[in-house]
């Protein structure tokens, strides 16, 4: 039997909340299940408060009891980056995995990785959410390039990101491996039970918009779709579950101007992990009306709960939802989004599509992500 590898994951983890933390914790758990020795180096300061658009960066839920999490990385302190880099360099882990999602983090993560590599032993692989952000800022490409130069290889979670990486590097090994299932929210529960737990009216059927609300996620498109007279006749309601990371007024204006108050249920606090199951199990359909995207963790939650989806054909989203099987893929247009929702209900697609989703999700195991990382390590050596 081979000795377990020492693996370090650098990125968000408890007490930070959200999809990044959930991903890193689930990845660490999978490595432990494979017999590896794993620790996470998370942020003591992830974003300065003036850059954070939400109400809180921190979770109220208990820490995962099975993981070693060091809360010590300060994203804006260069002395801290060097210190943390040296701590990990001296540990001589076999593998460091760095989650990269926005250029703001490039100086911090790139410096830490460069210091670690001085030990001439540790291999560093980055799992890339986005290399070019949805909400672009001056200097993004320069910062992303700095980070790309600090690691040994890349796992892109969409083919569109894999292609974008070529703008920054043509030599280092790269591989596409899709975002695995978010399967840590518990087993599905009956729809009626979930509706009751959320205090919703059981006389209606529900569709879901889930996650942090940012302008690029297209909630305005979906609200305008819900205003379609045919949808109003279907006796469905839209459940919007997620905290505003942008100004809410434009969305509330659409609701008011189209008299949607009785058709839209706004649940605009952060949804803790313990409540995610209730929202997904209460609905018939998950809608992701994004205006730009690479991939989405919401897709992988929907897959876990066997929920069909309507998604827009932007970025890499369409890679993960076979059109007409696991849901519908449409252009980012309110009329077309409305047509897909209407078709889903008029043709009674829930049972058929849910079965396809259950079959399709077999592609998205966490062990396949681990295999992708190992494939890169072989190529890199």
Protein backbone atom coordinates (compact mmCIF):
# COMPACT_ATOMS: atom_id res chain seq x y z
CA UNK A 1 0.00 0.00 0.00
CA UNK A 2 1.37 3.41 -0.94
CA UNK A 3 1.78 6.09 1.65
CA UNK A 4 -0.92 8.78 1.65
CA UNK A 5 0.00 11.99 -0.08
CA UNK A 6 0.11 15.24 1.82
CA UNK A 7 -2.28 17.63 0.07
CA UNK A 8 -2.97 21.30 0.79
CA UNK A 9 -5.97 23.15 -0.61
CA UNK A 10 -5.65 26.95 -0.65
CA UNK A 11 -8.99 28.72 -0.75
CA UNK A 12 -12.20 29.61 1.01
CA UNK A 13 -13.53 27.36 3.78
CA UNK A 14 -15.50 27.63 7.00
CA UNK A 15 -16.22 30.03 8.65
CA UNK A 16 -16.50 31.64 5.21
CA UNK A 17 -19.71 30.74 3.43
CA UNK A 18 -20.88 30.23 -0.14
CA UNK A 19 -20.11 28.00 -3.09
CA UNK A 20 -16.33 28.40 -3.01
CA UNK A 21 -16.13 27.25 0.60
CA UNK A 22 -18.54 24.40 -0.08
CA UNK A 23 -16.46 23.27 -3.06
CA UNK A 24 -13.14 23.25 -1.22
CA UNK A 25 -14.58 21.44 1.78
CA UNK A 26 -16.21 18.80 -0.41
CA UNK A 27 -12.97 18.37 -2.40
CA UNK A 28 -10.99 17.90 0.83
CA UNK A 29 -13.51 15.33 2.03
CA UNK A 30 -13.18 13.39 -1.21
CA UNK A 31 -9.41 13.28 -0.90
CA UNK A 32 -9.78 12.01 2.65
CA UNK A 33 -12.14 9.30 1.43
CA UNK A 34 -9.33 8.26 -0.92
CA UNK A 35 -6.93 7.93 2.00
CA UNK A 36 -4.99 11.17 1.51
CA UNK A 37 -3.82 13.59 4.23
CA UNK A 38 -5.52 16.93 3.56
CA UNK A 39 -5.60 20.40 5.07
CA UNK A 40 -7.18 23.65 3.88
CA UNK A 41 -5.52 27.05 4.18
CA UNK A 42 -8.40 29.49 4.13
CA UNK A 43 -8.77 33.24 4.44
CA UNK A 44 -8.72 35.21 7.65
CA UNK A 45 -9.57 38.11 5.33
CA UNK A 46 -11.03 37.14 1.97
CA UNK A 47 -12.45 40.48 0.80
CA UNK A 48 -12.12 43.90 2.42
CA UNK A 49 -15.58 44.88 3.64
CA UNK A 50 -15.87 47.73 1.14
CA UNK A 51 -15.42 45.26 -1.74
CA UNK A 52 -17.91 42.71 -0.43
CA UNK A 53 -21.44 43.30 -1.77
CA UNK A 54 -23.34 41.01 0.60
CA UNK A 55 -24.45 41.24 4.20
CA UNK A 56 -21.87 38.89 5.68
CA UNK A 57 -18.98 36.75 4.50
CA UNK A 58 -19.40 34.29 7.36
CA UNK A 59 -21.51 31.22 8.03
CA UNK A 60 -23.63 30.71 11.12
CA UNK A 61 -23.46 26.95 10.71
CA UNK A 62 -21.02 24.68 12.58
CA UNK A 63 -17.61 23.90 11.15
CA UNK A 64 -17.20 20.56 9.36
CA UNK A 65 -15.86 18.24 12.02
CA UNK A 66 -13.86 16.04 9.65
CA UNK A 67 -11.57 18.70 8.16
CA UNK A 68 -8.39 20.51 9.15
CA UNK A 69 -8.90 24.19 8.28
CA UNK A 70 -6.29 26.87 8.95
CA UNK A 71 -7.87 30.32 8.84
CA UNK A 72 -4.80 32.41 8.14
CA UNK A 73 -4.55 33.90 4.61
CA UNK A 74 -4.98 37.66 4.29
CA UNK A 75 -5.83 38.57 0.70
CA UNK A 76 -4.44 42.14 0.92
CA UNK A 77 -1.30 41.72 3.06
CA UNK A 78 1.87 40.88 1.07
CA UNK A 79 3.83 40.02 4.22
CA UNK A 80 1.16 37.47 5.07
CA UNK A 81 1.41 35.94 1.58
CA UNK A 82 5.14 35.37 2.01
CA UNK A 83 4.70 33.97 5.51
CA UNK A 84 1.96 31.52 4.49
CA UNK A 85 3.94 30.53 1.41
CA UNK A 86 6.95 29.73 3.58
CA UNK A 87 4.85 27.72 6.04
CA UNK A 88 3.53 25.52 3.24
CA UNK A 89 6.92 25.42 1.47
CA UNK A 90 8.52 23.96 4.58
CA UNK A 91 5.72 21.39 4.92
CA UNK A 92 6.73 20.04 1.50
CA UNK A 93 3.25 18.80 0.56
CA UNK A 94 3.11 16.56 -2.48
CA UNK A 95 0.27 18.54 -4.00
CA UNK A 96 -1.22 22.00 -3.57
CA UNK A 97 -4.59 22.76 -5.13
CA UNK A 98 -5.57 26.40 -5.57
CA UNK A 99 -9.09 27.47 -6.51
CA UNK A 100 -9.01 30.55 -8.76
CA UNK A 101 -12.13 32.56 -9.52
CA UNK A 102 -11.27 36.24 -9.87
CA UNK A 103 -8.19 38.37 -10.73
CA UNK A 104 -8.41 40.28 -7.44
CA UNK A 105 -7.00 37.16 -5.77
CA UNK A 106 -4.08 36.81 -8.20
CA UNK A 107 -1.42 38.77 -6.24
CA UNK A 108 -2.16 36.88 -3.04
CA UNK A 109 -2.49 33.39 -4.49
CA UNK A 110 0.24 33.87 -7.10
CA UNK A 111 2.75 35.02 -4.48
CA UNK A 112 1.96 32.14 -2.12
CA UNK A 113 2.37 29.64 -4.95
CA UNK A 114 5.68 31.11 -6.09
CA UNK A 115 7.08 30.84 -2.57
CA UNK A 116 5.88 27.24 -2.20
CA UNK A 117 7.53 26.19 -5.48
CA UNK A 118 10.94 27.10 -4.12
CA UNK A 119 11.03 23.76 -2.32
CA UNK A 120 11.41 22.03 -5.72
CA UNK A 121 9.06 19.27 -4.56
CA UNK A 122 5.46 20.45 -4.39
CA UNK A 123 3.32 20.35 -7.53
CA UNK A 124 0.66 23.07 -7.75
CA UNK A 125 -2.57 22.64 -9.71
CA UNK A 126 -5.24 25.32 -10.05
CA UNK A 127 -8.92 24.52 -10.45
CA UNK A 128 -10.28 27.42 -12.47
CA UNK A 129 -13.83 28.76 -12.16
CA UNK A 130 -13.16 31.81 -14.33
CA UNK A 131 -9.95 33.22 -15.76
CA UNK A 132 -11.69 36.25 -17.32
CA UNK A 133 -14.38 37.51 -14.91
CA UNK A 134 -18.01 38.18 -15.77
CA UNK A 135 -17.76 41.72 -14.40
CA UNK A 136 -14.61 43.01 -16.04
CA UNK A 137 -12.23 45.60 -14.56
CA UNK A 138 -9.05 47.30 -15.70
CA UNK A 139 -6.00 45.13 -15.07
CA UNK A 140 -7.89 41.82 -15.02
CA UNK A 141 -5.79 40.19 -17.74
CA UNK A 142 -2.50 41.35 -16.25
CA UNK A 143 -3.45 39.94 -12.84
CA UNK A 144 -4.71 36.67 -14.30
CA UNK A 145 -1.47 36.29 -16.24
CA UNK A 146 0.52 36.77 -13.03
CA UNK A 147 -1.40 33.97 -11.38
CA UNK A 148 -1.13 31.62 -14.36
CA UNK A 149 2.64 31.88 -14.18
CA UNK A 150 2.69 30.63 -10.59
CA UNK A 151 1.25 27.12 -10.99
CA UNK A 152 2.08 23.89 -12.81
CA UNK A 153 -1.23 23.01 -14.46
CA UNK A 154 -4.92 23.76 -14.71
CA UNK A 155 -8.28 22.05 -14.37
CA UNK A 156 -10.93 24.14 -16.14
CA UNK A 157 -14.49 23.40 -15.12
CA UNK A 158 -15.89 24.40 -18.51
CA UNK A 159 -14.57 24.11 -22.04
CA UNK A 160 -15.03 27.84 -22.54
CA UNK A 161 -12.61 28.54 -19.68
CA UNK A 162 -10.19 25.94 -21.06
CA UNK A 163 -10.18 27.87 -24.32
CA UNK A 164 -9.71 31.21 -22.55
CA UNK A 165 -6.67 29.82 -20.71
CA UNK A 166 -4.88 29.54 -24.04
CA UNK A 167 -4.71 33.34 -24.11
CA UNK A 168 -2.45 33.19 -21.05
CA UNK A 169 -0.42 30.01 -21.51
CA UNK A 170 0.14 27.49 -24.31
CA UNK A 171 2.69 25.25 -22.60
CA UNK A 172 1.43 24.05 -19.22
CA UNK A 173 -0.89 21.03 -19.06
CA UNK A 174 -4.60 21.82 -18.99
CA UNK A 175 -7.66 19.62 -18.81
CA UNK A 176 -11.42 20.06 -18.75
CA UNK A 177 -13.27 18.39 -15.91
CA UNK A 178 -16.80 19.54 -15.10
CA UNK A 179 -17.91 20.90 -11.77
CA UNK A 180 -18.82 17.87 -9.63
CA UNK A 181 -22.16 17.49 -7.90
CA UNK A 182 -22.87 19.52 -4.81
CA UNK A 183 -24.09 16.42 -3.00
CA UNK A 184 -23.59 17.49 0.61
CA UNK A 185 -27.03 19.03 1.13
CA UNK A 186 -28.73 15.77 2.08
CA UNK A 187 -31.09 13.43 0.27
CA UNK A 188 -34.17 14.75 -1.53
CA UNK A 189 -37.42 15.08 0.41
CA UNK A 190 -40.99 15.00 -0.99
CA UNK A 191 -42.08 18.18 -2.74
CA UNK A 192 -45.08 18.71 -0.49
CA UNK A 193 -42.91 18.42 2.63
CA UNK A 194 -40.44 21.00 1.27
CA UNK A 195 -43.27 23.39 0.35
CA UNK A 196 -44.63 23.08 3.86
CA UNK A 197 -41.21 23.69 5.46
CA UNK A 198 -40.82 26.89 3.46
CA UNK A 199 -44.31 28.08 4.33
CA UNK A 200 -45.39 28.21 0.67
CA UNK A 201 -48.91 27.85 -0.69
CA UNK A 202 -49.36 24.18 -1.76
CA UNK A 203 -52.02 25.23 -4.27
CA UNK A 204 -49.25 26.54 -6.55
CA UNK A 205 -46.35 24.97 -8.41
CA UNK A 206 -42.93 26.62 -8.17
CA UNK A 207 -39.87 27.38 -10.27
CA UNK A 208 -36.57 28.47 -8.71
CA UNK A 209 -33.94 31.14 -9.24
CA UNK A 210 -31.19 30.32 -6.76
CA UNK A 211 -27.96 31.95 -5.63
CA UNK A 212 -26.38 35.34 -5.13
CA UNK A 213 -28.14 37.91 -7.28
CA UNK A 214 -25.78 39.76 -9.61
CA UNK A 215 -26.71 41.66 -12.73
CA UNK A 216 -25.03 39.17 -15.07
CA UNK A 217 -27.24 36.37 -13.73
CA UNK A 218 -30.25 37.76 -15.57
CA UNK A 219 -32.95 37.76 -12.91
CA UNK A 220 -34.47 40.71 -14.77
CA UNK A 221 -34.89 38.49 -17.85
CA UNK A 222 -36.69 35.88 -15.78
CA UNK A 223 -38.97 38.41 -14.09
CA UNK A 224 -39.96 39.78 -17.48
CA UNK A 225 -40.61 36.21 -18.63
CA UNK A 226 -42.87 35.60 -15.62
CA UNK A 227 -44.90 38.64 -16.71
CA UNK A 228 -45.99 36.75 -19.83
CA UNK A 229 -49.80 36.35 -19.78
CA UNK A 230 -49.57 32.63 -20.61
CA UNK A 231 -47.35 31.98 -17.59
CA UNK A 232 -49.76 33.86 -15.36
CA UNK A 233 -52.41 31.31 -16.38
CA UNK A 234 -50.28 28.31 -15.35
CA UNK A 235 -50.73 28.82 -11.61
CA UNK A 236 -46.99 28.80 -10.95
CA UNK A 237 -44.88 31.08 -8.80
CA UNK A 238 -41.23 32.06 -9.04
CA UNK A 239 -39.18 31.47 -5.91
CA UNK A 240 -36.14 33.79 -5.80
CA UNK A 241 -33.76 32.43 -3.18
CA UNK A 242 -30.55 34.35 -2.70
CA UNK A 243 -28.97 37.49 -1.35
CA UNK A 244 -28.70 40.62 -3.49
CA UNK A 245 -25.10 41.36 -4.51
CA UNK A 246 -26.32 44.31 -6.59
CA UNK A 247 -28.92 47.03 -6.20
CA UNK A 248 -32.36 45.43 -5.75
CA UNK A 249 -34.41 48.39 -6.99
CA UNK A 250 -34.37 47.54 -10.74
CA UNK A 251 -35.72 44.06 -9.99
CA UNK A 252 -38.36 45.29 -7.57
CA UNK A 253 -39.43 47.83 -10.20
CA UNK A 254 -40.07 45.04 -12.72
CA UNK A 255 -42.15 43.20 -10.13
CA UNK A 256 -44.21 46.29 -9.32
CA UNK A 257 -44.68 47.50 -12.90
CA UNK A 258 -45.87 44.07 -14.06
CA UNK A 259 -48.04 43.38 -11.00
CA UNK A 260 -46.00 40.27 -10.12
CA UNK A 261 -46.23 40.61 -6.37
CA UNK A 262 -48.45 37.54 -6.05
CA UNK A 263 -46.35 35.46 -8.47
CA UNK A 264 -42.84 36.08 -7.10
CA UNK A 265 -41.71 34.91 -3.67
CA UNK A 266 -38.58 36.80 -2.65
CA UNK A 267 -36.34 35.07 -0.11
CA UNK A 268 -33.36 37.39 -0.16
CA UNK A 269 -31.22 36.36 2.74
CA UNK A 270 -28.24 34.05 2.34
CA UNK A 271 -29.52 30.47 2.11
CA UNK A 272 -27.54 28.30 4.56
CA UNK A 273 -26.57 24.77 3.59
CA UNK A 274 -29.15 23.31 5.95
CA UNK A 275 -31.96 25.00 3.98
CA UNK A 276 -30.78 24.44 0.40
CA UNK A 277 -32.56 21.08 0.12
CA UNK A 278 -35.93 22.65 0.98
CA UNK A 279 -35.71 25.18 -1.86
CA UNK A 280 -34.71 22.70 -4.54
CA UNK A 281 -37.13 20.01 -3.44
CA UNK A 282 -40.07 22.45 -3.38
CA UNK A 283 -39.84 23.26 -7.09
CA UNK A 284 -40.54 21.66 -10.45
CA UNK A 285 -37.89 23.52 -12.42
CA UNK A 286 -34.66 25.49 -11.86
CA UNK A 287 -34.11 28.48 -14.16
CA UNK A 288 -30.68 30.02 -14.79
CA UNK A 289 -31.29 33.02 -17.08
CA UNK A 290 -27.67 34.20 -17.12
CA UNK A 291 -26.41 36.90 -19.49
CA UNK A 292 -22.84 35.58 -19.19
CA UNK A 293 -21.39 32.50 -17.52
CA UNK A 294 -18.73 29.82 -17.64
CA UNK A 295 -20.26 27.14 -15.44
CA UNK A 296 -22.50 27.24 -12.39
CA UNK A 297 -22.60 25.42 -9.10
CA UNK A 298 -26.39 25.87 -9.17
CA UNK A 299 -26.50 23.38 -12.05
CA UNK A 300 -24.75 20.80 -9.89
CA UNK A 301 -27.16 21.32 -6.99
CA UNK A 302 -30.06 20.88 -9.41
CA UNK A 303 -28.50 17.66 -10.67
CA UNK A 304 -28.13 16.35 -7.13
CA UNK A 305 -31.84 16.86 -6.50
CA UNK A 306 -32.86 15.56 -9.97
CA UNK A 307 -34.34 18.90 -11.01
CA UNK A 308 -34.75 19.82 -14.69
CA UNK A 309 -33.43 23.20 -15.77
CA UNK A 310 -34.01 26.05 -18.17
CA UNK A 311 -30.68 27.69 -18.92
CA UNK A 312 -29.48 30.34 -21.32
CA UNK A 313 -26.97 29.55 -24.05
CA UNK A 314 -24.10 31.67 -22.74
CA UNK A 315 -20.50 30.75 -21.90
CA UNK A 316 -20.22 27.12 -20.90
CA UNK A 317 -23.67 26.60 -19.38
CA UNK A 318 -25.04 24.63 -22.32
CA UNK A 319 -22.23 22.08 -21.96
CA UNK A 320 -23.95 20.66 -18.88
CA UNK A 321 -27.68 20.56 -19.72
CA UNK A 322 -28.63 18.52 -22.81
CA UNK A 323 -31.37 20.49 -24.58
CA UNK A 324 -34.71 18.70 -24.67
CA UNK A 325 -33.51 16.01 -22.25
CA UNK A 326 -32.38 17.47 -18.92
CA UNK A 327 -34.16 20.74 -19.64
CA UNK A 328 -34.16 23.49 -22.23
CA UNK A 329 -31.34 25.67 -23.54
CA UNK A 330 -32.52 29.03 -24.92
CA UNK A 331 -31.09 32.41 -25.83
CA UNK A 332 -30.99 35.06 -23.12
CA UNK A 333 -34.33 36.58 -24.05
CA UNK A 334 -37.44 36.88 -21.82
CA UNK A 335 -39.78 35.65 -24.56
CA UNK A 336 -37.74 32.50 -25.17
CA UNK A 337 -37.34 31.83 -21.45
CA UNK A 338 -41.10 32.16 -21.05
CA UNK A 339 -41.71 29.82 -24.01
CA UNK A 340 -39.49 27.15 -22.42
CA UNK A 341 -41.30 27.36 -19.08
CA UNK A 342 -44.69 27.22 -20.78
CA UNK A 343 -43.65 24.22 -22.89
CA UNK A 344 -42.33 22.39 -19.81
CA UNK A 345 -45.68 22.66 -18.06
CA UNK A 346 -48.01 22.28 -21.03
CA UNK A 347 -46.23 19.13 -22.20
CA UNK A 348 -45.87 17.75 -18.63
CA UNK A 349 -42.11 17.20 -18.95
CA UNK A 350 -41.22 16.92 -15.26
CA UNK A 351 -41.16 13.12 -14.97
CA UNK A 352 -39.33 12.58 -18.29
CA UNK A 353 -36.75 15.30 -17.71
CA UNK A 354 -36.14 14.33 -14.07
CA UNK A 355 -35.27 10.81 -15.19
CA UNK A 356 -32.81 12.21 -17.75
CA UNK A 357 -31.25 14.44 -15.09
CA UNK A 358 -30.79 11.44 -12.79
CA UNK A 359 -28.98 9.58 -15.58
CA UNK A 360 -26.92 12.58 -16.72
CA UNK A 361 -25.56 13.40 -13.27
CA UNK A 362 -23.47 10.22 -13.22
CA UNK A 363 -20.90 12.20 -15.21
CA UNK A 364 -20.25 14.56 -12.32
CA UNK A 365 -18.61 12.51 -9.58
CA UNK A 366 -15.92 13.97 -7.32
CA UNK A 367 -13.64 11.03 -8.02
CA UNK A 368 -13.48 12.18 -11.66
CA UNK A 369 -12.19 15.57 -10.50
CA UNK A 370 -9.45 13.81 -8.52
CA UNK A 371 -8.60 11.74 -11.60
CA UNK A 372 -8.31 14.93 -13.66
CA UNK A 373 -5.83 16.41 -11.19
CA UNK A 374 -3.76 13.22 -11.25
CA UNK A 375 -3.78 13.23 -15.05
CA UNK A 376 -2.23 16.69 -14.98
CA UNK A 377 0.44 15.58 -12.55
CA UNK A 378 1.46 12.78 -14.90
CA UNK A 379 1.57 15.17 -17.86
CA UNK A 380 3.51 17.77 -15.89
CA UNK A 381 6.21 15.31 -14.88
